[in-house]
Amino acid sequence: MARSFSALIAAGLLTLAPGPTLAQEAPPPPHQQWSFEGVFGSYDQAALQRGYQVYKEVCSACHPVKHLYYRDLTDLGYSEDQVKGIAAQFQVTDGPNDQGDMYQRPAKPSDPIPGPFANDQAARAANNGALPPAQSLIVKARDDGPDYVYALITGYKDAPKDFKMQPGMNYNEYFPGHQIAMPPPLTTDGQLTYADGTKATIPQMAHDVVTFLSWASEPNLDERHRMGAKVILFLVIMAGVFYAAKRRIWASLHQHPTVQAGED
C-alpha cells in the first residue's frame, strides 16, 4: 500500500511538472531611456503625439483605452480645436432621441474614446477567443512597466526549431511561456507616416506608443513631478533658514556663557 501511494505521488508530480516549453523563462526586458524617468522626468509631447498616432492607426483595431476621453488629448499638446477635429472623425452612439431611437453622431471632446468592439464577447469572437486587454493602465499593470511593454512589442521572433508552438500562437521572446495570441502589431519600418516627419522605424514606433501608454497610465506625472520639485526647493530653503537661525542663537550663547554654579 505504501509503495502504491508513493508511486501515485510521483505520477502526480510528473503530471504537474512543466514541460520543456513552459520551463523556458522569459528574460528580463532591456532597460530603455524614457524622458519621464526620475524625479524630474517629464513626458515628451512630440513622442506623445506620435505614440497616439501609432495607437490610433495600429493598436486601436483591437485594444481600447478605457478611462480616456478625447478632451484628455490636450495634455499631449493638441489645441482644443485640434481635439475637436480629432474627435469629429469618429462616430459614437447617442440617444435616445425624441422618437426613442439611438442614433450615430460625430464624437465630441467630452466623449470617451470608443473601443473597437461593442463588448467583450464581440472582442473574443474577433480574436479567436482571446480578449485584447485595455491599454489605458497596461504599463502600470506590468512588472518593469514601459520596458516590458516595449520588449513585448519588439520581441516577436521565429520560434526555435525545438520549440513546439500551439496552433494560432506567436513566438515572443519576452512573453511568459513565449507563446502569445496577439500577432506582432509593428511589422515593418514605415508602417505609418508620422505627421511630424520622424522616420517611423519599428523601435521608434514602439518607443513612441509606449510613451503614450505610460501617459495614459499616469497622466498626472508631470504635475506630480513639478509639485515634488517645489516641495524639495521649499525644504532646501527652510533647511537654510533653520540652519541660519541655529547659528545665530548659538552664537549669542557662546558670546555670553552662563556662570557655573558655585563660582564667584
C-alpha atoms as a PDB file:
ATOM      1  CA  MET A   1       0.000   0.000   0.000  1.00  0.00           C
ATOM      2  CA  ALA A   2       2.844   2.427   0.897  1.00  0.00           C
ATOM      3  CA  ARG A   3       4.621   1.647  -2.401  1.00  0.00           C
ATOM      4  CA  SER A   4       1.409   2.255  -4.355  1.00  0.00           C
ATOM      5  CA  PHE A   5       0.835   5.543  -2.549  1.00  0.00           C
ATOM      6  CA  SER A   6       4.405   6.690  -3.278  1.00  0.00           C
ATOM      7  CA  ALA A   7       4.021   5.753  -6.916  1.00  0.00           C
ATOM      8  CA  LEU A   8       0.789   7.767  -7.086  1.00  0.00           C
ATOM      9  CA  ILE A   9       2.502  10.848  -5.636  1.00  0.00           C
ATOM     10  CA  ALA A  10       5.383  10.518  -8.090  1.00  0.00           C
ATOM     11  CA  ALA A  11       2.990  10.229 -11.002  1.00  0.00           C
ATOM     12  CA  GLY A  12       1.127  13.313  -9.816  1.00  0.00           C
ATOM     13  CA  LEU A  13       4.340  15.334  -9.554  1.00  0.00           C
ATOM     14  CA  LEU A  14       5.324  14.321 -13.060  1.00  0.00           C
ATOM     15  CA  THR A  15       1.916  15.417 -14.315  1.00  0.00           C
ATOM     16  CA  LEU A  16       2.207  18.826 -12.647  1.00  0.00           C
ATOM     17  CA  ALA A  17       5.796  19.423 -13.688  1.00  0.00           C
ATOM     18  CA  PRO A  18       6.111  21.946 -16.520  1.00  0.00           C
ATOM     19  CA  GLY A  19       7.080  20.590 -19.896  1.00  0.00           C
ATOM     20  CA  PRO A  20      10.068  21.821 -21.907  1.00  0.00           C
ATOM     21  CA  THR A  21       8.061  24.667 -23.429  1.00  0.00           C
ATOM     22  CA  LEU A  22       6.663  26.056 -20.153  1.00  0.00           C
ATOM     23  CA  ALA A  23      10.017  25.638 -18.367  1.00  0.00           C
ATOM     24  CA  GLN A  24      11.598  28.319 -20.531  1.00  0.00           C
ATOM     25  CA  GLU A  25      11.508  31.586 -18.645  1.00  0.00           C
ATOM     26  CA  ALA A  26      11.357  34.923 -20.373  1.00  0.00           C
ATOM     27  CA  PRO A  27      14.492  37.058 -19.959  1.00  0.00           C
ATOM     28  CA  PRO A  28      14.198  40.410 -18.167  1.00  0.00           C
ATOM     29  CA  PRO A  29      13.369  43.213 -20.593  1.00  0.00           C
ATOM     30  CA  PRO A  30      16.270  45.503 -21.529  1.00  0.00           C
ATOM     31  CA  HIS A  31      16.076  48.952 -19.997  1.00  0.00           C
ATOM     32  CA  GLN A  32      15.194  51.788 -22.365  1.00  0.00           C
ATOM     33  CA  GLN A  33      15.729  55.504 -21.954  1.00  0.00           C
ATOM     34  CA  TRP A  34      12.476  57.327 -21.144  1.00  0.00           C
ATOM     35  CA  SER A  35      12.034  61.079 -20.859  1.00  0.00           C
ATOM     36  CA  PHE A  36       9.645  60.632 -17.936  1.00  0.00           C
ATOM     37  CA  GLU A  37      12.075  58.697 -15.744  1.00  0.00           C
ATOM     38  CA  GLY A  38      13.400  60.064 -12.494  1.00  0.00           C
ATOM     39  CA  VAL A  39      12.238  62.733 -10.096  1.00  0.00           C
ATOM     40  CA  PHE A  40      12.475  65.496 -12.691  1.00  0.00           C
ATOM     41  CA  GLY A  41      11.338  63.472 -15.705  1.00  0.00           C
ATOM     42  CA  SER A  42       8.535  64.706 -17.955  1.00  0.00           C
ATOM     43  CA  TYR A  43       6.644  63.483 -20.979  1.00  0.00           C
ATOM     44  CA  ASP A  44       7.953  64.417 -24.423  1.00  0.00           C
ATOM     45  CA  GLN A  45       4.893  65.919 -26.124  1.00  0.00           C
ATOM     46  CA  ALA A  46       6.204  65.154 -29.621  1.00  0.00           C
ATOM     47  CA  ALA A  47       6.623  61.500 -28.622  1.00  0.00           C
ATOM     48  CA  LEU A  48       3.164  61.520 -27.031  1.00  0.00           C
ATOM     49  CA  GLN A  49       1.552  62.731 -30.249  1.00  0.00           C
ATOM     50  CA  ARG A  50       3.458  60.197 -32.332  1.00  0.00           C
ATOM     51  CA  GLY A  51       2.502  57.489 -29.829  1.00  0.00           C
ATOM     52  CA  TYR A  52      -1.147  58.418 -30.066  1.00  0.00           C
ATOM     53  CA  GLN A  53      -0.868  58.190 -33.856  1.00  0.00           C
ATOM     54  CA  VAL A  54       0.572  54.661 -33.527  1.00  0.00           C
ATOM     55  CA  TYR A  55      -2.222  53.704 -31.162  1.00  0.00           C
ATOM     56  CA  LYS A  56      -4.916  55.183 -33.403  1.00  0.00           C
ATOM     57  CA  GLU A  57      -3.616  53.679 -36.654  1.00  0.00           C
ATOM     58  CA  VAL A  58      -2.381  50.312 -35.356  1.00  0.00           C
ATOM     59  CA  CYS A  59      -3.359  49.341 -31.821  1.00  0.00           C
ATOM     60  CA  SER A  60      -6.917  50.694 -31.732  1.00  0.00           C
ATOM     61  CA  ALA A  61      -8.050  47.984 -34.149  1.00  0.00           C
ATOM     62  CA  CYS A  62      -8.008  45.549 -31.212  1.00  0.00           C
ATOM     63  CA  HIS A  63      -7.300  47.402 -27.947  1.00  0.00           C
ATOM     64  CA  PRO A  64      -9.440  50.039 -26.222  1.00  0.00           C
ATOM     65  CA  VAL A  65      -8.078  52.791 -23.997  1.00  0.00           C
ATOM     66  CA  LYS A  66     -10.743  52.789 -21.319  1.00  0.00           C
ATOM     67  CA  HIS A  67     -10.922  55.772 -18.948  1.00  0.00           C
ATOM     68  CA  LEU A  68      -9.600  58.205 -21.591  1.00  0.00           C
ATOM     69  CA  TYR A  69     -11.697  60.991 -23.092  1.00  0.00           C
ATOM     70  CA  TYR A  70     -10.955  62.991 -26.208  1.00  0.00           C
ATOM     71  CA  ARG A  71     -10.568  66.108 -24.052  1.00  0.00           C
ATOM     72  CA  ASP A  72      -7.611  64.418 -22.347  1.00  0.00           C
ATOM     73  CA  LEU A  73      -5.649  64.728 -25.589  1.00  0.00           C
ATOM     74  CA  THR A  74      -4.995  68.387 -24.788  1.00  0.00           C
ATOM     75  CA  ASP A  75      -2.332  67.040 -22.388  1.00  0.00           C
ATOM     76  CA  LEU A  76      -0.493  65.751 -25.473  1.00  0.00           C
ATOM     77  CA  GLY A  77      -0.081  69.296 -26.758  1.00  0.00           C
ATOM     78  CA  TYR A  78      -3.120  69.419 -29.038  1.00  0.00           C
ATOM     79  CA  SER A  79      -5.187  72.595 -29.032  1.00  0.00           C
ATOM     80  CA  GLU A  80      -8.900  72.482 -28.246  1.00  0.00           C
ATOM     81  CA  ASP A  81      -9.730  72.961 -31.932  1.00  0.00           C
ATOM     82  CA  GLN A  82      -7.420  70.094 -32.877  1.00  0.00           C
ATOM     83  CA  VAL A  83      -9.071  67.865 -30.291  1.00  0.00           C
ATOM     84  CA  LYS A  84     -12.491  68.752 -31.691  1.00  0.00           C
ATOM     85  CA  GLY A  85     -11.253  67.788 -35.149  1.00  0.00           C
ATOM     86  CA  ILE A  86      -9.793  64.505 -33.909  1.00  0.00           C
ATOM     87  CA  ALA A  87     -13.000  63.598 -32.079  1.00  0.00           C
ATOM     88  CA  ALA A  88     -15.221  64.507 -35.040  1.00  0.00           C
ATOM     89  CA  GLN A  89     -13.525  61.816 -37.157  1.00  0.00           C
ATOM     90  CA  PHE A  90     -15.312  59.143 -35.124  1.00  0.00           C
ATOM     91  CA  GLN A  91     -18.967  58.222 -34.766  1.00  0.00           C
ATOM     92  CA  VAL A  92     -20.484  57.437 -31.375  1.00  0.00           C
ATOM     93  CA  THR A  93     -23.885  56.122 -30.383  1.00  0.00           C
ATOM     94  CA  ASP A  94     -26.139  58.595 -28.597  1.00  0.00           C
ATOM     95  CA  GLY A  95     -29.764  58.887 -27.643  1.00  0.00           C
ATOM     96  CA  PRO A  96     -32.489  58.124 -27.348  1.00  0.00           C
ATOM     97  CA  ASN A  97     -33.918  60.917 -29.493  1.00  0.00           C
ATOM     98  CA  ASP A  98     -37.487  62.229 -29.335  1.00  0.00           C
ATOM     99  CA  GLN A  99     -38.681  59.077 -31.111  1.00  0.00           C
ATOM    100  CA  GLY A 100     -36.917  56.839 -28.613  1.00  0.00           C
ATOM    101  CA  ASP A 101     -34.251  55.691 -31.081  1.00  0.00           C
ATOM    102  CA  MET A 102     -30.487  55.594 -30.639  1.00  0.00           C
ATOM    103  CA  TYR A 103     -28.510  57.377 -33.316  1.00  0.00           C
ATOM    104  CA  GLN A 104     -24.972  57.999 -34.525  1.00  0.00           C
ATOM    105  CA  ARG A 105     -23.255  61.382 -34.288  1.00  0.00           C
ATOM    106  CA  PRO A 106     -19.699  62.742 -34.543  1.00  0.00           C
ATOM    107  CA  ALA A 107     -17.794  62.412 -31.288  1.00  0.00           C
ATOM    108  CA  LYS A 108     -17.190  65.424 -29.069  1.00  0.00           C
ATOM    109  CA  PRO A 109     -14.246  66.205 -26.763  1.00  0.00           C
ATOM    110  CA  SER A 110     -16.440  65.246 -23.795  1.00  0.00           C
ATOM    111  CA  ASP A 111     -16.944  61.710 -25.167  1.00  0.00           C
ATOM    112  CA  PRO A 112     -14.807  58.759 -24.053  1.00  0.00           C
ATOM    113  CA  ILE A 113     -12.528  57.359 -26.730  1.00  0.00           C
ATOM    114  CA  PRO A 114     -14.525  54.372 -28.016  1.00  0.00           C
ATOM    115  CA  GLY A 115     -13.115  50.880 -28.204  1.00  0.00           C
ATOM    116  CA  PRO A 116     -13.082  48.727 -31.322  1.00  0.00           C
ATOM    117  CA  PHE A 117     -15.735  46.265 -30.092  1.00  0.00           C
ATOM    118  CA  ALA A 118     -19.183  46.651 -28.597  1.00  0.00           C
ATOM    119  CA  ASN A 119     -18.440  44.241 -25.723  1.00  0.00           C
ATOM    120  CA  ASP A 120     -16.001  41.586 -24.534  1.00  0.00           C
ATOM    121  CA  GLN A 121     -17.900  38.789 -26.288  1.00  0.00           C
ATOM    122  CA  ALA A 122     -17.544  40.546 -29.628  1.00  0.00           C
ATOM    123  CA  ALA A 123     -13.843  41.128 -28.927  1.00  0.00           C
ATOM    124  CA  ARG A 124     -13.278  37.438 -28.182  1.00  0.00           C
ATOM    125  CA  ALA A 125     -15.217  36.367 -31.263  1.00  0.00           C
ATOM    126  CA  ALA A 126     -12.996  38.548 -33.442  1.00  0.00           C
ATOM    127  CA  ASN A 127      -9.753  37.295 -31.867  1.00  0.00           C
ATOM    128  CA  ASN A 128     -10.163  33.504 -31.752  1.00  0.00           C
ATOM    129  CA  GLY A 129     -11.375  33.573 -28.161  1.00  0.00           C
ATOM    130  CA  ALA A 130      -8.613  35.856 -26.826  1.00  0.00           C
ATOM    131  CA  LEU A 131      -9.654  39.122 -25.153  1.00  0.00           C
ATOM    132  CA  PRO A 132      -7.373  42.045 -26.107  1.00  0.00           C
ATOM    133  CA  PRO A 133      -6.648  43.904 -22.853  1.00  0.00           C
ATOM    134  CA  ALA A 134      -7.412  47.589 -22.441  1.00  0.00           C
ATOM    135  CA  GLN A 135      -4.300  49.711 -22.835  1.00  0.00           C
ATOM    136  CA  SER A 136      -5.007  52.687 -20.571  1.00  0.00           C
ATOM    137  CA  LEU A 137      -3.430  51.027 -17.499  1.00  0.00           C
ATOM    138  CA  ILE A 138      -1.281  48.374 -19.167  1.00  0.00           C
ATOM    139  CA  VAL A 139       2.065  49.977 -18.263  1.00  0.00           C
ATOM    140  CA  LYS A 140       1.220  50.240 -14.552  1.00  0.00           C
ATOM    141  CA  ALA A 141      -0.206  46.721 -14.540  1.00  0.00           C
ATOM    142  CA  ARG A 142       3.032  45.048 -15.660  1.00  0.00           C
ATOM    143  CA  ASP A 143       6.317  44.485 -13.872  1.00  0.00           C
ATOM    144  CA  ASP A 144       9.095  46.613 -15.392  1.00  0.00           C
ATOM    145  CA  GLY A 145       6.344  48.848 -16.802  1.00  0.00           C
ATOM    146  CA  PRO A 146       7.386  50.599 -20.020  1.00  0.00           C
ATOM    147  CA  ASP A 147      10.458  48.399 -20.512  1.00  0.00           C
ATOM    148  CA  TYR A 148       8.317  45.262 -20.540  1.00  0.00           C
ATOM    149  CA  VAL A 149       5.689  46.673 -22.901  1.00  0.00           C
ATOM    150  CA  TYR A 150       8.426  47.882 -25.278  1.00  0.00           C
ATOM    151  CA  ALA A 151      10.161  44.492 -25.148  1.00  0.00           C
ATOM    152  CA  LEU A 152       6.860  42.707 -25.768  1.00  0.00           C
ATOM    153  CA  ILE A 153       6.056  44.821 -28.838  1.00  0.00           C
ATOM    154  CA  THR A 154       9.518  44.303 -30.333  1.00  0.00           C
ATOM    155  CA  GLY A 155      10.106  40.752 -29.066  1.00  0.00           C
ATOM    156  CA  TYR A 156       8.450  38.753 -31.859  1.00  0.00           C
ATOM    157  CA  LYS A 157      10.782  36.224 -33.496  1.00  0.00           C
ATOM    158  CA  ASP A 158      10.735  32.916 -35.289  1.00  0.00           C
ATOM    159  CA  ALA A 159      10.385  30.109 -32.773  1.00  0.00           C
ATOM    160  CA  PRO A 160      13.445  27.903 -32.198  1.00  0.00           C
ATOM    161  CA  LYS A 161      13.350  24.626 -34.109  1.00  0.00           C
ATOM    162  CA  ASP A 162      12.961  22.549 -30.928  1.00  0.00           C
ATOM    163  CA  PHE A 163      10.153  24.765 -29.572  1.00  0.00           C
ATOM    164  CA  LYS A 164       6.662  23.346 -30.027  1.00  0.00           C
ATOM    165  CA  MET A 165       4.169  26.089 -30.902  1.00  0.00           C
ATOM    166  CA  GLN A 166       0.457  25.770 -30.297  1.00  0.00           C
ATOM    167  CA  PRO A 167      -1.893  26.494 -33.207  1.00  0.00           C
ATOM    168  CA  GLY A 168      -2.680  30.176 -33.686  1.00  0.00           C
ATOM    169  CA  MET A 169       0.049  31.363 -31.309  1.00  0.00           C
ATOM    170  CA  ASN A 170       3.037  33.616 -31.966  1.00  0.00           C
ATOM    171  CA  TYR A 171       6.521  33.312 -30.519  1.00  0.00           C
ATOM    172  CA  ASN A 172       7.623  36.240 -28.358  1.00  0.00           C
ATOM    173  CA  GLU A 173      10.948  36.288 -26.564  1.00  0.00           C
ATOM    174  CA  TYR A 174       9.726  38.331 -23.583  1.00  0.00           C
ATOM    175  CA  PHE A 175       6.241  36.901 -23.056  1.00  0.00           C
ATOM    176  CA  PRO A 176       5.978  34.311 -20.236  1.00  0.00           C
ATOM    177  CA  GLY A 177       5.975  30.910 -21.904  1.00  0.00           C
ATOM    178  CA  HIS A 178       6.946  32.619 -25.197  1.00  0.00           C
ATOM    179  CA  GLN A 179       3.542  31.938 -26.792  1.00  0.00           C
ATOM    180  CA  ILE A 180       1.161  34.849 -27.260  1.00  0.00           C
ATOM    181  CA  ALA A 181      -2.112  35.057 -29.150  1.00  0.00           C
ATOM    182  CA  MET A 182      -1.563  38.661 -30.250  1.00  0.00           C
ATOM    183  CA  PRO A 183       0.172  38.887 -33.636  1.00  0.00           C
ATOM    184  CA  PRO A 184       3.033  41.392 -33.965  1.00  0.00           C
ATOM    185  CA  PRO A 185       1.450  44.861 -34.183  1.00  0.00           C
ATOM    186  CA  LEU A 186       4.520  46.524 -35.716  1.00  0.00           C
ATOM    187  CA  THR A 187       5.730  44.560 -38.688  1.00  0.00           C
ATOM    188  CA  THR A 188       7.865  46.837 -40.853  1.00  0.00           C
ATOM    189  CA  ASP A 189       9.622  50.179 -40.905  1.00  0.00           C
ATOM    190  CA  GLY A 190       7.446  52.858 -42.447  1.00  0.00           C
ATOM    191  CA  GLN A 191       4.257  51.090 -41.396  1.00  0.00           C
ATOM    192  CA  LEU A 192       2.782  54.553 -40.931  1.00  0.00           C
ATOM    193  CA  THR A 193       3.823  58.100 -41.806  1.00  0.00           C
ATOM    194  CA  TYR A 194       4.418  60.382 -38.848  1.00  0.00           C
ATOM    195  CA  ALA A 195       2.798  63.780 -39.088  1.00  0.00           C
ATOM    196  CA  ASP A 196       5.993  65.475 -37.836  1.00  0.00           C
ATOM    197  CA  GLY A 197       8.222  63.752 -40.383  1.00  0.00           C
ATOM    198  CA  THR A 198      10.036  61.463 -37.925  1.00  0.00           C
ATOM    199  CA  LYS A 199      11.210  58.215 -39.514  1.00  0.00           C
ATOM    200  CA  ALA A 200       8.793  55.503 -38.410  1.00  0.00           C
ATOM    201  CA  THR A 201      11.121  52.598 -37.663  1.00  0.00           C
ATOM    202  CA  ILE A 202       9.840  49.721 -35.550  1.00  0.00           C
ATOM    203  CA  PRO A 203      11.921  50.750 -32.491  1.00  0.00           C
ATOM    204  CA  GLN A 204      10.781  54.368 -32.898  1.00  0.00           C
ATOM    205  CA  MET A 205       7.104  53.436 -33.189  1.00  0.00           C
ATOM    206  CA  ALA A 206       7.379  51.074 -30.216  1.00  0.00           C
ATOM    207  CA  HIS A 207       9.105  53.712 -28.094  1.00  0.00           C
ATOM    208  CA  ASP A 208       6.512  56.344 -29.012  1.00  0.00           C
ATOM    209  CA  VAL A 209       3.447  54.197 -28.372  1.00  0.00           C
ATOM    210  CA  VAL A 210       4.860  53.066 -25.005  1.00  0.00           C
ATOM    211  CA  THR A 211       5.380  56.723 -24.102  1.00  0.00           C
ATOM    212  CA  PHE A 212       1.732  57.362 -24.947  1.00  0.00           C
ATOM    213  CA  LEU A 213       0.575  54.333 -22.946  1.00  0.00           C
ATOM    214  CA  SER A 214       2.724  55.435 -19.999  1.00  0.00           C
ATOM    215  CA  TRP A 215       0.967  58.807 -20.088  1.00  0.00           C
ATOM    216  CA  ALA A 216      -2.403  57.027 -20.312  1.00  0.00           C
ATOM    217  CA  SER A 217      -1.475  55.058 -17.181  1.00  0.00           C
ATOM    218  CA  GLU A 218      -0.287  58.121 -15.262  1.00  0.00           C
ATOM    219  CA  PRO A 219      -1.421  61.367 -16.932  1.00  0.00           C
ATOM    220  CA  ASN A 220      -0.682  63.471 -13.840  1.00  0.00           C
ATOM    221  CA  LEU A 221       3.016  62.517 -13.698  1.00  0.00           C
ATOM    222  CA  ASP A 222       4.274  65.903 -14.947  1.00  0.00           C
ATOM    223  CA  GLU A 223       2.158  67.766 -12.393  1.00  0.00           C
ATOM    224  CA  ARG A 224       3.284  65.427  -9.625  1.00  0.00           C
ATOM    225  CA  HIS A 225       6.940  65.904 -10.551  1.00  0.00           C
ATOM    226  CA  ARG A 226       6.537  69.696 -10.649  1.00  0.00           C
ATOM    227  CA  MET A 227       4.927  69.617  -7.208  1.00  0.00           C
ATOM    228  CA  GLY A 228       7.744  67.375  -5.940  1.00  0.00           C
ATOM    229  CA  ALA A 229      10.358  69.828  -7.237  1.00  0.00           C
ATOM    230  CA  LYS A 230       8.585  72.685  -5.447  1.00  0.00           C
ATOM    231  CA  VAL A 231       8.476  70.678  -2.214  1.00  0.00           C
ATOM    232  CA  ILE A 232      12.192  69.858  -2.467  1.00  0.00           C
ATOM    233  CA  LEU A 233      13.024  73.523  -3.123  1.00  0.00           C
ATOM    234  CA  PHE A 234      10.893  74.566  -0.148  1.00  0.00           C
ATOM    235  CA  LEU A 235      12.618  72.049   2.123  1.00  0.00           C
ATOM    236  CA  VAL A 236      16.072  73.209   0.978  1.00  0.00           C
ATOM    237  CA  ILE A 237      15.184  76.855   1.665  1.00  0.00           C
ATOM    238  CA  MET A 238      13.683  76.029   5.066  1.00  0.00           C
ATOM    239  CA  ALA A 239      16.737  73.964   5.975  1.00  0.00           C
ATOM    240  CA  GLY A 240      18.893  77.002   5.203  1.00  0.00           C
ATOM    241  CA  VAL A 241      16.635  79.263   7.284  1.00  0.00           C
ATOM    242  CA  PHE A 242      16.698  76.882  10.246  1.00  0.00           C
ATOM    243  CA  TYR A 243      20.476  76.478   9.989  1.00  0.00           C
ATOM    244  CA  ALA A 244      20.976  80.251   9.923  1.00  0.00           C
ATOM    245  CA  ALA A 245      18.647  80.642  12.916  1.00  0.00           C
ATOM    246  CA  LYS A 246      20.533  77.943  14.795  1.00  0.00           C
ATOM    247  CA  ARG A 247      23.876  79.657  14.115  1.00  0.00           C
ATOM    248  CA  ARG A 248      22.520  82.997  15.304  1.00  0.00           C
ATOM    249  CA  ILE A 249      21.060  81.576  18.520  1.00  0.00           C
ATOM    250  CA  TRP A 250      24.149  79.568  19.427  1.00  0.00           C
ATOM    251  CA  ALA A 251      26.463  82.442  18.531  1.00  0.00           C
ATOM    252  CA  SER A 252      24.742  84.658  21.115  1.00  0.00           C
ATOM    253  CA  LEU A 253      25.005  81.900  23.722  1.00  0.00           C
ATOM    254  CA  HIS A 254      28.736  81.473  23.069  1.00  0.00           C
ATOM    255  CA  GLN A 255      29.271  85.236  23.472  1.00  0.00           C
ATOM    256  CA  HIS A 256      27.509  85.213  26.882  1.00  0.00           C
ATOM    257  CA  PRO A 257      28.449  81.974  28.668  1.00  0.00           C
ATOM    258  CA  THR A 258      26.488  81.136  31.728  1.00  0.00           C
ATOM    259  CA  VAL A 259      28.224  81.345  35.094  1.00  0.00           C
ATOM    260  CA  GLN A 260      28.631  77.924  36.558  1.00  0.00           C
ATOM    261  CA  ALA A 261      27.074  77.313  39.934  1.00  0.00           C
ATOM    262  CA  GLY A 262      29.444  77.759  42.886  1.00  0.00           C
ATOM    263  CA  GLU A 263      31.751  80.261  41.165  1.00  0.00           C
ATOM    264  CA  ASP A 264      32.024  83.886  42.235  1.00  0.00           C
END
